[in-house]
């Protein structure tokens, strides 16, 4: 595996773990709550959070491929 490939593993693993946590946590909440409106709200939240997490992960992968591993050094 090349240098950039090794640096992409951590963001991908963290993204997968956080998404799994969202799905599990909100799945438990949905199964406990009786009101349909609240269930719908708690169903939309993890979908939105998952979308944001995937977007941020893709951005980070693009930064790693361009060689901007330490982008904080620019500030």
C-alpha atoms as a PDB file:
ATOM      1  CA  UNK A   1       0.000   0.000   0.000  1.00  0.00           C
ATOM      2  CA  UNK A   2       1.405   3.400  -0.907  1.00  0.00           C
ATOM      3  CA  UNK A   3       1.996   6.303   1.479  1.00  0.00           C
ATOM      4  CA  UNK A   4      -1.327   8.023   0.734  1.00  0.00           C
ATOM      5  CA  UNK A   5      -3.283   4.778   1.083  1.00  0.00           C
ATOM      6  CA  UNK A   6      -2.118   4.267   4.655  1.00  0.00           C
ATOM      7  CA  UNK A   7      -3.147   7.802   5.603  1.00  0.00           C
ATOM      8  CA  UNK A   8      -6.657   7.266   4.217  1.00  0.00           C
ATOM      9  CA  UNK A   9      -7.407   4.304   6.487  1.00  0.00           C
ATOM     10  CA  UNK A  10      -8.027   6.312   9.669  1.00  0.00           C
ATOM     11  CA  UNK A  11     -10.635   8.738   8.237  1.00  0.00           C
ATOM     12  CA  UNK A  12     -12.506   5.875   6.582  1.00  0.00           C
ATOM     13  CA  UNK A  13     -12.521   3.718   9.734  1.00  0.00           C
ATOM     14  CA  UNK A  14     -13.636   6.630  11.931  1.00  0.00           C
ATOM     15  CA  UNK A  15     -16.405   7.490   9.464  1.00  0.00           C
ATOM     16  CA  UNK A  16     -17.682   3.916   9.469  1.00  0.00           C
ATOM     17  CA  UNK A  17     -17.599   3.706  13.273  1.00  0.00           C
ATOM     18  CA  UNK A  18     -19.440   7.003  13.766  1.00  0.00           C
ATOM     19  CA  UNK A  19     -22.102   6.066  11.200  1.00  0.00           C
ATOM     20  CA  UNK A  20     -22.583   2.683  12.890  1.00  0.00           C
ATOM     21  CA  UNK A  21     -22.972   4.464  16.224  1.00  0.00           C
ATOM     22  CA  UNK A  22     -25.582   6.868  14.789  1.00  0.00           C
ATOM     23  CA  UNK A  23     -27.571   4.038  13.278  1.00  0.00           C
ATOM     24  CA  UNK A  24     -27.478   1.965  16.462  1.00  0.00           C
ATOM     25  CA  UNK A  25     -28.232   4.850  18.829  1.00  0.00           C
ATOM     26  CA  UNK A  26     -31.094   6.313  16.846  1.00  0.00           C
ATOM     27  CA  UNK A  27     -32.393   2.817  16.028  1.00  0.00           C
ATOM     28  CA  UNK A  28     -32.740   2.116  19.740  1.00  0.00           C
ATOM     29  CA  UNK A  29     -34.457   5.479  20.271  1.00  0.00           C
ATOM     30  CA  UNK A  30     -36.886   4.832  17.429  1.00  0.00           C
ATOM     31  CA  UNK A  31     -37.792   1.414  18.802  1.00  0.00           C
ATOM     32  CA  UNK A  32     -38.526   2.851  22.260  1.00  0.00           C
ATOM     33  CA  UNK A  33     -40.589   5.898  21.250  1.00  0.00           C
ATOM     34  CA  UNK A  34     -44.285   5.552  20.378  1.00  0.00           C
ATOM     35  CA  UNK A  35     -45.061   8.857  18.616  1.00  0.00           C
ATOM     36  CA  UNK A  36     -44.751   8.705  14.838  1.00  0.00           C
ATOM     37  CA  UNK A  37     -43.618  12.335  14.423  1.00  0.00           C
ATOM     38  CA  UNK A  38     -40.746  11.849  16.844  1.00  0.00           C
ATOM     39  CA  UNK A  39     -39.809   8.580  15.140  1.00  0.00           C
ATOM     40  CA  UNK A  40     -39.665  10.397  11.819  1.00  0.00           C
ATOM     41  CA  UNK A  41     -37.491  13.128  13.305  1.00  0.00           C
ATOM     42  CA  UNK A  42     -35.153  10.574  14.865  1.00  0.00           C
ATOM     43  CA  UNK A  43     -35.033   8.797  11.503  1.00  0.00           C
ATOM     44  CA  UNK A  44     -34.010  11.921   9.612  1.00  0.00           C
ATOM     45  CA  UNK A  45     -31.249  12.980  12.017  1.00  0.00           C
ATOM     46  CA  UNK A  46     -28.928   9.991  11.412  1.00  0.00           C
ATOM     47  CA  UNK A  47     -29.477  10.247   7.657  1.00  0.00           C
ATOM     48  CA  UNK A  48     -28.351  13.884   7.716  1.00  0.00           C
ATOM     49  CA  UNK A  49     -25.417  13.167  10.016  1.00  0.00           C
ATOM     50  CA  UNK A  50     -24.363  10.259   7.801  1.00  0.00           C
ATOM     51  CA  UNK A  51     -24.414  12.494   4.741  1.00  0.00           C
ATOM     52  CA  UNK A  52     -22.258  15.088   6.471  1.00  0.00           C
ATOM     53  CA  UNK A  53     -19.802  12.464   7.713  1.00  0.00           C
ATOM     54  CA  UNK A  54     -19.404  10.965   4.237  1.00  0.00           C
ATOM     55  CA  UNK A  55     -18.946  14.437   2.709  1.00  0.00           C
ATOM     56  CA  UNK A  56     -16.226  15.322   5.234  1.00  0.00           C
ATOM     57  CA  UNK A  57     -14.510  11.957   4.708  1.00  0.00           C
ATOM     58  CA  UNK A  58     -14.467  12.445   0.934  1.00  0.00           C
ATOM     59  CA  UNK A  59     -13.009  15.940   1.380  1.00  0.00           C
ATOM     60  CA  UNK A  60     -10.295  14.573   3.655  1.00  0.00           C
ATOM     61  CA  UNK A  61      -9.425  11.835   1.163  1.00  0.00           C
ATOM     62  CA  UNK A  62      -9.068  14.459  -1.584  1.00  0.00           C
ATOM     63  CA  UNK A  63      -6.756  16.480   0.685  1.00  0.00           C
ATOM     64  CA  UNK A  64      -4.612  13.428   1.382  1.00  0.00           C
ATOM     65  CA  UNK A  65      -4.347  12.583  -2.327  1.00  0.00           C
ATOM     66  CA  UNK A  66      -3.272  16.158  -3.116  1.00  0.00           C
ATOM     67  CA  UNK A  67      -0.565  15.932  -0.471  1.00  0.00           C
ATOM     68  CA  UNK A  68      -2.135  18.252   2.093  1.00  0.00           C
ATOM     69  CA  UNK A  69      -1.850  15.809   4.974  1.00  0.00           C
ATOM     70  CA  UNK A  70      -1.069  18.527   7.513  1.00  0.00           C
ATOM     71  CA  UNK A  71      -3.347  21.346   6.409  1.00  0.00           C
ATOM     72  CA  UNK A  72      -3.177  23.015   9.846  1.00  0.00           C
ATOM     73  CA  UNK A  73       0.374  24.103   9.104  1.00  0.00           C
ATOM     74  CA  UNK A  74      -1.028  26.654   6.641  1.00  0.00           C
ATOM     75  CA  UNK A  75      -2.488  28.740   9.447  1.00  0.00           C
END
